C-alpha atoms as a PDB file:
ATOM      1  CA  UNK A   1      41.869 -29.409  51.084  1.00  0.00           C
ATOM      2  CA  UNK A   2      42.105 -25.767  52.151  1.00  0.00           C
ATOM      3  CA  UNK A   3      45.290 -23.870  51.308  1.00  0.00           C
ATOM      4  CA  UNK A   4      46.045 -21.065  53.721  1.00  0.00           C
ATOM      5  CA  UNK A   5      43.585 -22.884  55.941  1.00  0.00           C
ATOM      6  CA  UNK A   6      44.622 -21.567  59.352  1.00  0.00           C
ATOM      7  CA  UNK A   7      43.118 -18.097  58.870  1.00  0.00           C
ATOM      8  CA  UNK A   8      39.600 -16.851  59.523  1.00  0.00           C
ATOM      9  CA  UNK A   9      38.419 -18.326  56.214  1.00  0.00           C
ATOM     10  CA  UNK A  10      39.760 -21.752  57.167  1.00  0.00           C
ATOM     11  CA  UNK A  11      38.134 -21.717  60.612  1.00  0.00           C
ATOM     12  CA  UNK A  12      34.749 -20.823  59.168  1.00  0.00           C
ATOM     13  CA  UNK A  13      35.132 -23.236  56.247  1.00  0.00           C
ATOM     14  CA  UNK A  14      35.895 -26.193  58.513  1.00  0.00           C
ATOM     15  CA  UNK A  15      32.880 -25.409  60.675  1.00  0.00           C
ATOM     16  CA  UNK A  16      30.521 -25.197  57.705  1.00  0.00           C
ATOM     17  CA  UNK A  17      32.077 -28.099  55.779  1.00  0.00           C
ATOM     18  CA  UNK A  18      31.075 -30.448  58.565  1.00  0.00           C
ATOM     19  CA  UNK A  19      27.431 -29.970  57.530  1.00  0.00           C
ATOM     20  CA  UNK A  20      28.381 -31.935  54.393  1.00  0.00           C
ATOM     21  CA  UNK A  21      29.969 -34.818  56.354  1.00  0.00           C
ATOM     22  CA  UNK A  22      33.329 -34.964  54.522  1.00  0.00           C
ATOM     23  CA  UNK A  23      35.590 -37.977  54.975  1.00  0.00           C
ATOM     24  CA  UNK A  24      38.534 -35.697  55.703  1.00  0.00           C
ATOM     25  CA  UNK A  25      39.533 -32.015  55.610  1.00  0.00           C
ATOM     26  CA  UNK A  26      43.191 -31.209  54.936  1.00  0.00           C
ATOM     27  CA  UNK A  27      44.592 -27.911  56.195  1.00  0.00           C
ATOM     28  CA  UNK A  28      47.611 -26.799  54.177  1.00  0.00           C
ATOM     29  CA  UNK A  29      49.647 -23.837  55.423  1.00  0.00           C
ATOM     30  CA  UNK A  30      53.217 -22.803  56.144  1.00  0.00           C
ATOM     31  CA  UNK A  31      52.741 -21.560  59.725  1.00  0.00           C
ATOM     32  CA  UNK A  32      53.168 -24.310  62.321  1.00  0.00           C
ATOM     33  CA  UNK A  33      52.243 -21.960  65.193  1.00  0.00           C
ATOM     34  CA  UNK A  34      48.839 -21.228  63.654  1.00  0.00           C
ATOM     35  CA  UNK A  35      48.357 -24.916  62.947  1.00  0.00           C
ATOM     36  CA  UNK A  36      49.029 -25.669  66.614  1.00  0.00           C
ATOM     37  CA  UNK A  37      46.572 -22.995  67.741  1.00  0.00           C
ATOM     38  CA  UNK A  38      43.949 -24.298  65.336  1.00  0.00           C
ATOM     39  CA  UNK A  39      44.542 -27.862  66.544  1.00  0.00           C
ATOM     40  CA  UNK A  40      43.786 -26.766  70.116  1.00  0.00           C
ATOM     41  CA  UNK A  41      40.566 -25.138  68.907  1.00  0.00           C
ATOM     42  CA  UNK A  42      39.588 -28.304  67.042  1.00  0.00           C
ATOM     43  CA  UNK A  43      40.278 -30.489  70.077  1.00  0.00           C
ATOM     44  CA  UNK A  44      37.440 -28.689  71.853  1.00  0.00           C
ATOM     45  CA  UNK A  45      34.991 -29.563  69.049  1.00  0.00           C
ATOM     46  CA  UNK A  46      33.861 -32.693  67.251  1.00  0.00           C
ATOM     47  CA  UNK A  47      35.895 -31.732  64.175  1.00  0.00           C
ATOM     48  CA  UNK A  48      39.372 -32.920  65.170  1.00  0.00           C
ATOM     49  CA  UNK A  49      39.091 -36.540  64.018  1.00  0.00           C
ATOM     50  CA  UNK A  50      38.245 -35.486  60.462  1.00  0.00           C
ATOM     51  CA  UNK A  51      40.940 -32.811  60.134  1.00  0.00           C
ATOM     52  CA  UNK A  52      44.592 -33.282  59.184  1.00  0.00           C
ATOM     53  CA  UNK A  53      47.322 -30.649  59.052  1.00  0.00           C
ATOM     54  CA  UNK A  54      50.020 -30.394  56.385  1.00  0.00           C
ATOM     55  CA  UNK A  55      52.882 -27.915  56.628  1.00  0.00           C
ATOM     56  CA  UNK A  56      53.838 -26.602  53.207  1.00  0.00           C
ATOM     57  CA  UNK A  57      53.939 -23.640  50.862  1.00  0.00           C
ATOM     58  CA  UNK A  58      52.007 -23.175  47.624  1.00  0.00           C
ATOM     59  CA  UNK A  59      55.345 -22.193  46.083  1.00  0.00           C
ATOM     60  CA  UNK A  60      56.433 -25.853  46.465  1.00  0.00           C
ATOM     61  CA  UNK A  61      54.812 -27.937  43.722  1.00  0.00           C
ATOM     62  CA  UNK A  62      56.021 -31.313  45.014  1.00  0.00           C
ATOM     63  CA  UNK A  63      54.590 -30.741  48.481  1.00  0.00           C
ATOM     64  CA  UNK A  64      51.307 -29.473  47.039  1.00  0.00           C
ATOM     65  CA  UNK A  65      50.982 -32.467  44.740  1.00  0.00           C
ATOM     66  CA  UNK A  66      51.726 -34.945  47.505  1.00  0.00           C
ATOM     67  CA  UNK A  67      49.109 -33.346  49.756  1.00  0.00           C
ATOM     68  CA  UNK A  68      46.471 -33.397  46.993  1.00  0.00           C
ATOM     69  CA  UNK A  69      46.487 -37.164  46.571  1.00  0.00           C
ATOM     70  CA  UNK A  70      42.885 -38.476  46.849  1.00  0.00           C
ATOM     71  CA  UNK A  71      41.511 -34.952  47.345  1.00  0.00           C
ATOM     72  CA  UNK A  72      38.144 -34.197  45.706  1.00  0.00           C
ATOM     73  CA  UNK A  73      37.895 -30.418  46.196  1.00  0.00           C
ATOM     74  CA  UNK A  74      40.554 -27.744  46.749  1.00  0.00           C
ATOM     75  CA  UNK A  75      39.696 -24.356  48.238  1.00  0.00           C
ATOM     76  CA  UNK A  76      42.669 -22.142  47.412  1.00  0.00           C
ATOM     77  CA  UNK A  77      42.826 -19.295  49.952  1.00  0.00           C
ATOM     78  CA  UNK A  78      46.595 -18.992  50.467  1.00  0.00           C
ATOM     79  CA  UNK A  79      47.844 -15.557  49.398  1.00  0.00           C
ATOM     80  CA  UNK A  80      49.803 -12.495  50.362  1.00  0.00           C
ATOM     81  CA  UNK A  81      46.951 -10.023  50.677  1.00  0.00           C
ATOM     82  CA  UNK A  82      47.907  -7.013  52.803  1.00  0.00           C
ATOM     83  CA  UNK A  83      47.975  -4.157  50.285  1.00  0.00           C
ATOM     84  CA  UNK A  84      50.680  -1.909  51.855  1.00  0.00           C
ATOM     85  CA  UNK A  85      52.915  -4.903  52.671  1.00  0.00           C
ATOM     86  CA  UNK A  86      52.690  -6.286  49.142  1.00  0.00           C
ATOM     87  CA  UNK A  87      53.544  -2.850  47.731  1.00  0.00           C
ATOM     88  CA  UNK A  88      56.882  -3.187  49.525  1.00  0.00           C
ATOM     89  CA  UNK A  89      57.443  -6.874  48.691  1.00  0.00           C
ATOM     90  CA  UNK A  90      56.152  -7.305  45.152  1.00  0.00           C
ATOM     91  CA  UNK A  91      58.411 -10.203  44.181  1.00  0.00           C
ATOM     92  CA  UNK A  92      57.211 -12.263  47.138  1.00  0.00           C
ATOM     93  CA  UNK A  93      53.595 -11.693  46.099  1.00  0.00           C
ATOM     94  CA  UNK A  94      54.438 -12.858  42.586  1.00  0.00           C
ATOM     95  CA  UNK A  95      55.889 -16.083  44.012  1.00  0.00           C
ATOM     96  CA  UNK A  96      52.859 -16.803  46.202  1.00  0.00           C
ATOM     97  CA  UNK A  97      49.883 -15.317  44.364  1.00  0.00           C
ATOM     98  CA  UNK A  98      50.908 -16.073  40.763  1.00  0.00           C
ATOM     99  CA  UNK A  99      53.426 -18.927  40.761  1.00  0.00           C
ATOM    100  CA  UNK A 100      51.574 -20.512  43.685  1.00  0.00           C
ATOM    101  CA  UNK A 101      48.348 -20.456  41.641  1.00  0.00           C
ATOM    102  CA  UNK A 102      50.193 -22.102  38.748  1.00  0.00           C
ATOM    103  CA  UNK A 103      51.312 -24.870  41.114  1.00  0.00           C
ATOM    104  CA  UNK A 104      47.729 -25.303  42.335  1.00  0.00           C
ATOM    105  CA  UNK A 105      46.505 -25.767  38.764  1.00  0.00           C
ATOM    106  CA  UNK A 106      49.211 -28.268  37.853  1.00  0.00           C
ATOM    107  CA  UNK A 107      48.964 -30.283  41.087  1.00  0.00           C
ATOM    108  CA  UNK A 108      45.171 -30.460  40.907  1.00  0.00           C
ATOM    109  CA  UNK A 109      45.199 -31.616  37.284  1.00  0.00           C
ATOM    110  CA  UNK A 110      47.965 -34.165  37.966  1.00  0.00           C
ATOM    111  CA  UNK A 111      45.952 -35.612  40.879  1.00  0.00           C
ATOM    112  CA  UNK A 112      42.560 -35.616  39.100  1.00  0.00           C
ATOM    113  CA  UNK A 113      40.982 -33.305  41.671  1.00  0.00           C
ATOM    114  CA  UNK A 114      37.325 -32.766  40.785  1.00  0.00           C
ATOM    115  CA  UNK A 115      36.954 -29.058  41.667  1.00  0.00           C
ATOM    116  CA  UNK A 116      39.232 -26.138  42.485  1.00  0.00           C
ATOM    117  CA  UNK A 117      37.752 -22.902  43.841  1.00  0.00           C
ATOM    118  CA  UNK A 118      40.230 -20.032  44.174  1.00  0.00           C
ATOM    119  CA  UNK A 119      39.506 -17.099  46.479  1.00  0.00           C
ATOM    120  CA  UNK A 120      39.965 -13.699  44.833  1.00  0.00           C
ATOM    121  CA  UNK A 121      39.275 -10.095  45.721  1.00  0.00           C
ATOM    122  CA  UNK A 122      37.654  -6.930  44.398  1.00  0.00           C
ATOM    123  CA  UNK A 123      41.176  -5.492  44.246  1.00  0.00           C
ATOM    124  CA  UNK A 124      41.802  -7.705  41.203  1.00  0.00           C
ATOM    125  CA  UNK A 125      39.378  -5.506  39.208  1.00  0.00           C
ATOM    126  CA  UNK A 126      41.018  -2.469  37.578  1.00  0.00           C
ATOM    127  CA  UNK A 127      44.018  -3.085  39.841  1.00  0.00           C
ATOM    128  CA  UNK A 128      46.211  -0.202  40.911  1.00  0.00           C
ATOM    129  CA  UNK A 129      48.253  -2.037  43.565  1.00  0.00           C
ATOM    130  CA  UNK A 130      50.592  -5.017  43.388  1.00  0.00           C
ATOM    131  CA  UNK A 131      48.299  -7.211  45.461  1.00  0.00           C
ATOM    132  CA  UNK A 132      45.402  -6.608  43.067  1.00  0.00           C
ATOM    133  CA  UNK A 133      47.609  -7.138  40.027  1.00  0.00           C
ATOM    134  CA  UNK A 134      48.921 -10.474  41.288  1.00  0.00           C
ATOM    135  CA  UNK A 135      45.410 -11.612  42.228  1.00  0.00           C
ATOM    136  CA  UNK A 136      44.164 -10.594  38.764  1.00  0.00           C
ATOM    137  CA  UNK A 137      46.816 -12.823  37.221  1.00  0.00           C
ATOM    138  CA  UNK A 138      45.885 -15.579  39.677  1.00  0.00           C
ATOM    139  CA  UNK A 139      42.322 -15.391  38.332  1.00  0.00           C
ATOM    140  CA  UNK A 140      43.610 -15.635  34.756  1.00  0.00           C
ATOM    141  CA  UNK A 141      45.700 -18.709  35.607  1.00  0.00           C
ATOM    142  CA  UNK A 142      42.801 -20.426  37.359  1.00  0.00           C
ATOM    143  CA  UNK A 143      40.181 -19.861  34.660  1.00  0.00           C
ATOM    144  CA  UNK A 144      42.312 -19.972  31.496  1.00  0.00           C
ATOM    145  CA  UNK A 145      42.552 -22.975  29.177  1.00  0.00           C
ATOM    146  CA  UNK A 146      46.231 -22.481  28.420  1.00  0.00           C
ATOM    147  CA  UNK A 147      47.443 -25.189  30.813  1.00  0.00           C
ATOM    148  CA  UNK A 148      46.256 -28.779  30.557  1.00  0.00           C
ATOM    149  CA  UNK A 149      43.645 -29.217  33.279  1.00  0.00           C
ATOM    150  CA  UNK A 150      42.338 -32.700  32.556  1.00  0.00           C
ATOM    151  CA  UNK A 151      38.963 -33.380  34.164  1.00  0.00           C
ATOM    152  CA  UNK A 152      39.352 -30.787  36.928  1.00  0.00           C
ATOM    153  CA  UNK A 153      36.835 -27.914  37.068  1.00  0.00           C
ATOM    154  CA  UNK A 154      38.459 -24.571  37.954  1.00  0.00           C
ATOM    155  CA  UNK A 155      36.634 -21.411  39.006  1.00  0.00           C
ATOM    156  CA  UNK A 156      37.066 -18.362  41.237  1.00  0.00           C
ATOM    157  CA  UNK A 157      35.029 -16.456  43.750  1.00  0.00           C
ATOM    158  CA  UNK A 158      35.575 -12.735  44.187  1.00  0.00           C
ATOM    159  CA  UNK A 159      34.461 -10.626  47.133  1.00  0.00           C
ATOM    160  CA  UNK A 160      35.353  -7.525  49.110  1.00  0.00           C
ATOM    161  CA  UNK A 161      36.158  -7.034  52.785  1.00  0.00           C
ATOM    162  CA  UNK A 162      35.116  -9.774  55.196  1.00  0.00           C
ATOM    163  CA  UNK A 163      34.157  -8.241  58.524  1.00  0.00           C
ATOM    164  CA  UNK A 164      35.458  -9.981  61.593  1.00  0.00           C
ATOM    165  CA  UNK A 165      38.262 -11.741  59.741  1.00  0.00           C
ATOM    166  CA  UNK A 166      41.800 -11.671  61.049  1.00  0.00           C
ATOM    167  CA  UNK A 167      42.786  -9.068  58.450  1.00  0.00           C
ATOM    168  CA  UNK A 168      39.783  -6.785  58.988  1.00  0.00           C
ATOM    169  CA  UNK A 169      39.853  -3.359  60.605  1.00  0.00           C
ATOM    170  CA  UNK A 170      37.822  -4.412  63.658  1.00  0.00           C
ATOM    171  CA  UNK A 171      40.722  -5.836  65.719  1.00  0.00           C
ATOM    172  CA  UNK A 172      42.670  -2.607  65.117  1.00  0.00           C
ATOM    173  CA  UNK A 173      39.721  -0.508  66.244  1.00  0.00           C
ATOM    174  CA  UNK A 174      39.192  -2.738  69.279  1.00  0.00           C
ATOM    175  CA  UNK A 175      42.757  -2.057  70.389  1.00  0.00           C
ATOM    176  CA  UNK A 176      42.381   1.708  69.937  1.00  0.00           C
ATOM    177  CA  UNK A 177      39.051   1.893  71.749  1.00  0.00           C
ATOM    178  CA  UNK A 178      40.319  -0.245  74.644  1.00  0.00           C
ATOM    179  CA  UNK A 179      43.227   2.176  75.017  1.00  0.00           C
ATOM    180  CA  UNK A 180      40.984   5.251  74.684  1.00  0.00           C
ATOM    181  CA  UNK A 181      42.770   6.370  71.530  1.00  0.00           C
ATOM    182  CA  UNK A 182      41.205   7.853  68.358  1.00  0.00           C
ATOM    183  CA  UNK A 183      40.222   5.439  65.584  1.00  0.00           C
ATOM    184  CA  UNK A 184      42.445   5.835  62.498  1.00  0.00           C
ATOM    185  CA  UNK A 185      40.578   6.654  59.259  1.00  0.00           C
ATOM    186  CA  UNK A 186      42.395   6.834  55.936  1.00  0.00           C
ATOM    187  CA  UNK A 187      39.945   9.079  54.038  1.00  0.00           C
ATOM    188  CA  UNK A 188      36.389  10.295  54.812  1.00  0.00           C
ATOM    189  CA  UNK A 189      35.095   9.207  51.360  1.00  0.00           C
ATOM    190  CA  UNK A 190      36.686   5.745  51.285  1.00  0.00           C
ATOM    191  CA  UNK A 191      34.096   2.980  50.745  1.00  0.00           C
ATOM    192  CA  UNK A 192      34.300  -0.802  50.853  1.00  0.00           C
ATOM    193  CA  UNK A 193      32.095  -3.818  50.141  1.00  0.00           C
ATOM    194  CA  UNK A 194      31.280  -5.868  53.221  1.00  0.00           C
ATOM    195  CA  UNK A 195      30.434  -9.541  53.683  1.00  0.00           C
ATOM    196  CA  UNK A 196      30.239 -11.661  56.791  1.00  0.00           C
ATOM    197  CA  UNK A 197      32.381 -14.788  56.977  1.00  0.00           C
ATOM    198  CA  UNK A 198      29.260 -16.926  56.609  1.00  0.00           C
ATOM    199  CA  UNK A 199      28.271 -15.053  53.423  1.00  0.00           C
ATOM    200  CA  UNK A 200      31.784 -15.498  52.017  1.00  0.00           C
ATOM    201  CA  UNK A 201      31.702 -19.249  52.656  1.00  0.00           C
ATOM    202  CA  UNK A 202      28.194 -19.483  51.187  1.00  0.00           C
ATOM    203  CA  UNK A 203      29.550 -17.967  47.969  1.00  0.00           C
ATOM    204  CA  UNK A 204      32.255 -20.633  47.847  1.00  0.00           C
ATOM    205  CA  UNK A 205      29.687 -23.419  48.207  1.00  0.00           C
ATOM    206  CA  UNK A 206      27.529 -21.738  45.555  1.00  0.00           C
ATOM    207  CA  UNK A 207      30.513 -21.864  43.198  1.00  0.00           C
ATOM    208  CA  UNK A 208      31.120 -25.569  43.893  1.00  0.00           C
ATOM    209  CA  UNK A 209      27.490 -26.359  43.107  1.00  0.00           C
ATOM    210  CA  UNK A 210      27.240 -24.226  39.948  1.00  0.00           C
ATOM    211  CA  UNK A 211      30.689 -24.180  38.327  1.00  0.00           C
ATOM    212  CA  UNK A 212      31.191 -25.605  34.848  1.00  0.00           C
ATOM    213  CA  UNK A 213      34.730 -24.251  34.635  1.00  0.00           C
ATOM    214  CA  UNK A 214      36.186 -20.844  33.887  1.00  0.00           C
ATOM    215  CA  UNK A 215      33.715 -18.701  35.839  1.00  0.00           C
ATOM    216  CA  UNK A 216      34.194 -15.985  38.445  1.00  0.00           C
ATOM    217  CA  UNK A 217      31.376 -15.967  41.010  1.00  0.00           C
ATOM    218  CA  UNK A 218      30.427 -12.759  42.843  1.00  0.00           C
ATOM    219  CA  UNK A 219      27.874 -12.334  45.590  1.00  0.00           C
ATOM    220  CA  UNK A 220      26.103  -8.992  45.654  1.00  0.00           C
ATOM    221  CA  UNK A 221      27.046  -7.055  48.770  1.00  0.00           C
ATOM    222  CA  UNK A 222      26.343  -3.695  50.373  1.00  0.00           C
ATOM    223  CA  UNK A 223      28.982  -1.052  50.858  1.00  0.00           C
ATOM    224  CA  UNK A 224      29.573   1.736  53.307  1.00  0.00           C
ATOM    225  CA  UNK A 225      31.988   4.508  54.014  1.00  0.00           C
ATOM    226  CA  UNK A 226      34.708   3.322  56.363  1.00  0.00           C
ATOM    227  CA  UNK A 227      34.104   6.353  58.555  1.00  0.00           C
ATOM    228  CA  UNK A 228      30.413   5.389  58.982  1.00  0.00           C
ATOM    229  CA  UNK A 229      31.400   1.858  59.955  1.00  0.00           C
ATOM    230  CA  UNK A 230      33.864   3.303  62.463  1.00  0.00           C
ATOM    231  CA  UNK A 231      31.203   5.596  63.954  1.00  0.00           C
ATOM    232  CA  UNK A 232      28.731   2.711  64.330  1.00  0.00           C
ATOM    233  CA  UNK A 233      31.306   0.345  65.808  1.00  0.00           C
ATOM    234  CA  UNK A 234      32.795   2.885  68.197  1.00  0.00           C
ATOM    235  CA  UNK A 235      29.385   3.971  69.474  1.00  0.00           C
ATOM    236  CA  UNK A 236      28.409   0.390  70.320  1.00  0.00           C
ATOM    237  CA  UNK A 237      31.788  -0.379  71.879  1.00  0.00           C
ATOM    238  CA  UNK A 238      32.243   2.845  73.859  1.00  0.00           C
ATOM    239  CA  UNK A 239      28.753   4.325  74.189  1.00  0.00           C
ATOM    240  CA  UNK A 240      30.110   7.581  72.739  1.00  0.00           C
ATOM    241  CA  UNK A 241      28.178   8.881  69.704  1.00  0.00           C
ATOM    242  CA  UNK A 242      31.094  11.169  68.876  1.00  0.00           C
ATOM    243  CA  UNK A 243      34.072   8.905  69.501  1.00  0.00           C
ATOM    244  CA  UNK A 244      37.212  10.682  68.205  1.00  0.00           C
ATOM    245  CA  UNK A 245      38.515   9.823  64.740  1.00  0.00           C
ATOM    246  CA  UNK A 246      41.995  10.497  63.386  1.00  0.00           C
ATOM    247  CA  UNK A 247      42.572  11.063  59.667  1.00  0.00           C
ATOM    248  CA  UNK A 248      45.835   9.287  58.858  1.00  0.00           C
ATOM    249  CA  UNK A 249      45.836   9.427  55.042  1.00  0.00           C
ATOM    250  CA  UNK A 250      45.549   6.803  52.313  1.00  0.00           C
ATOM    251  CA  UNK A 251      48.083   3.997  52.499  1.00  0.00           C
ATOM    252  CA  UNK A 252      50.236   2.967  49.535  1.00  0.00           C
ATOM    253  CA  UNK A 253      48.190   1.227  46.849  1.00  0.00           C
ATOM    254  CA  UNK A 254      44.726   1.892  48.301  1.00  0.00           C
ATOM    255  CA  UNK A 255      41.696   3.028  46.280  1.00  0.00           C
ATOM    256  CA  UNK A 256      38.875   5.300  47.421  1.00  0.00           C
ATOM    257  CA  UNK A 257      36.282   2.942  45.853  1.00  0.00           C
ATOM    258  CA  UNK A 258      36.433  -0.739  44.885  1.00  0.00           C
ATOM    259  CA  UNK A 259      34.826  -2.586  41.952  1.00  0.00           C
ATOM    260  CA  UNK A 260      33.531  -6.174  41.909  1.00  0.00           C
ATOM    261  CA  UNK A 261      32.452  -6.299  38.238  1.00  0.00           C
ATOM    262  CA  UNK A 262      33.876  -3.898  35.660  1.00  0.00           C
ATOM    263  CA  UNK A 263      32.044  -2.518  32.619  1.00  0.00           C
ATOM    264  CA  UNK A 264      34.059  -4.823  30.333  1.00  0.00           C
ATOM    265  CA  UNK A 265      33.243  -7.883  32.448  1.00  0.00           C
ATOM    266  CA  UNK A 266      29.546  -7.006  32.426  1.00  0.00           C
ATOM    267  CA  UNK A 267      29.484  -7.825  28.698  1.00  0.00           C
ATOM    268  CA  UNK A 268      30.015 -11.515  29.478  1.00  0.00           C
ATOM    269  CA  UNK A 269      28.408 -11.718  32.935  1.00  0.00           C
ATOM    270  CA  UNK A 270      25.088 -13.174  33.999  1.00  0.00           C
ATOM    271  CA  UNK A 271      23.106 -11.547  36.793  1.00  0.00           C
ATOM    272  CA  UNK A 272      20.667 -13.161  39.204  1.00  0.00           C
ATOM    273  CA  UNK A 273      18.954 -11.790  42.282  1.00  0.00           C
ATOM    274  CA  UNK A 274      21.959 -12.345  44.561  1.00  0.00           C
ATOM    275  CA  UNK A 275      24.910 -13.045  42.253  1.00  0.00           C
ATOM    276  CA  UNK A 276      26.916 -12.141  39.195  1.00  0.00           C
ATOM    277  CA  UNK A 277      28.682 -14.903  37.276  1.00  0.00           C
ATOM    278  CA  UNK A 278      31.426 -13.746  34.908  1.00  0.00           C
ATOM    279  CA  UNK A 279      31.924 -16.350  32.217  1.00  0.00           C
ATOM    280  CA  UNK A 280      35.190 -16.962  30.408  1.00  0.00           C
ATOM    281  CA  UNK A 281      35.475 -14.523  27.500  1.00  0.00           C
ATOM    282  CA  UNK A 282      35.633 -16.159  24.082  1.00  0.00           C
ATOM    283  CA  UNK A 283      38.314 -15.247  21.581  1.00  0.00           C
ATOM    284  CA  UNK A 284      35.773 -13.922  19.079  1.00  0.00           C
ATOM    285  CA  UNK A 285      32.617 -12.493  20.602  1.00  0.00           C
ATOM    286  CA  UNK A 286      29.433 -11.628  18.809  1.00  0.00           C
ATOM    287  CA  UNK A 287      28.588  -7.936  18.857  1.00  0.00           C
ATOM    288  CA  UNK A 288      27.409  -6.760  22.252  1.00  0.00           C
ATOM    289  CA  UNK A 289      26.315  -3.293  23.228  1.00  0.00           C
ATOM    290  CA  UNK A 290      28.929  -1.401  25.198  1.00  0.00           C
ATOM    291  CA  UNK A 291      27.858  -0.899  28.779  1.00  0.00           C
ATOM    292  CA  UNK A 292      28.442   2.101  30.968  1.00  0.00           C
ATOM    293  CA  UNK A 293      27.773   0.226  34.176  1.00  0.00           C
ATOM    294  CA  UNK A 294      29.985  -1.434  36.727  1.00  0.00           C
ATOM    295  CA  UNK A 295      29.199  -3.007  40.071  1.00  0.00           C
ATOM    296  CA  UNK A 296      31.170  -0.914  42.516  1.00  0.00           C
ATOM    297  CA  UNK A 297      31.003   0.512  46.011  1.00  0.00           C
ATOM    298  CA  UNK A 298      29.414   3.572  44.375  1.00  0.00           C
ATOM    299  CA  UNK A 299      26.594   1.679  42.629  1.00  0.00           C
ATOM    300  CA  UNK A 300      25.602  -0.934  45.208  1.00  0.00           C
ATOM    301  CA  UNK A 301      23.349  -0.566  48.269  1.00  0.00           C
ATOM    302  CA  UNK A 302      24.774   1.934  50.735  1.00  0.00           C
ATOM    303  CA  UNK A 303      24.687   1.355  54.495  1.00  0.00           C
ATOM    304  CA  UNK A 304      24.546   4.326  56.855  1.00  0.00           C
ATOM    305  CA  UNK A 305      25.472   4.463  60.529  1.00  0.00           C
ATOM    306  CA  UNK A 306      22.043   3.274  61.750  1.00  0.00           C
ATOM    307  CA  UNK A 307      21.973   0.285  59.370  1.00  0.00           C
ATOM    308  CA  UNK A 308      25.541  -0.611  60.284  1.00  0.00           C
ATOM    309  CA  UNK A 309      24.772  -0.553  64.001  1.00  0.00           C
ATOM    310  CA  UNK A 310      21.819  -2.886  63.473  1.00  0.00           C
ATOM    311  CA  UNK A 311      23.941  -5.199  61.317  1.00  0.00           C
ATOM    312  CA  UNK A 312      26.800  -5.313  63.830  1.00  0.00           C
ATOM    313  CA  UNK A 313      24.395  -6.292  66.615  1.00  0.00           C
ATOM    314  CA  UNK A 314      22.495  -8.800  64.454  1.00  0.00           C
ATOM    315  CA  UNK A 315      25.656 -10.554  63.230  1.00  0.00           C
ATOM    316  CA  UNK A 316      27.190 -10.593  66.734  1.00  0.00           C
ATOM    317  CA  UNK A 317      30.446  -8.978  65.674  1.00  0.00           C
ATOM    318  CA  UNK A 318      30.501  -7.676  69.244  1.00  0.00           C
ATOM    319  CA  UNK A 319      29.875 -10.201  71.990  1.00  0.00           C
END
């Protein structure tokens, strides 16, 4: 079952789930128009017969619980996630991102679901905006032991911007370039982590395979300045090495840099070549040396314009 399954994440997840030959994939969302559009897409593939749609809202426990009957794995992607919008509608984000996560936990435990993987964001680390704060509390609800969770294994994945997704900047830039208008840039020093949709889904599968319960899984990712990404994208799209940019200012709630693992979390995190795994913090910890290191857009691999152009072409973000 995929909550919020009609977005870019859901489309990619369905495609890649079919490699595992599931008996059935349930798409749970509140938007019937997007479900209809997705159904048309599925009818042109071999995925339709294994996919079922359920209209509902994660705020509604009874509907969630009914839809979870006989479900083995839940991928919880439903959320209010647009930072400026959530700044203006905080109470609605609380209902979806926090109370909705509570309903997910209760419904999954009541239905003996084997695994729940919740999708989180770098904005949940050292949050300064309402979206990040509600997602931070979602993480706490998913990985805490406060609620009875039965035999269900709960964990989270956390990543930054997913390029090419419905909520990414690329569709906005496409529209501006097609109209010959300058690309809007919030701040010349603003940096973000970047993953492809395939890399984001791979992290989710990695979590399913490795979760014992209570972990937050992070895939290491490069970062770049937004203005460098804009220069690379605009040059490929328009052929103009100096496509005009327009500085529009930082939107409400936005950071200059993002963090995927904070210094405090590093004390109870394990690092491998490609991942960090933050384990649930125990009530009484043995002495650990304080760290002055966090995994942020400042400390990770930096991509310049040339590397970004190569990546855009390689990943076929532009047909």
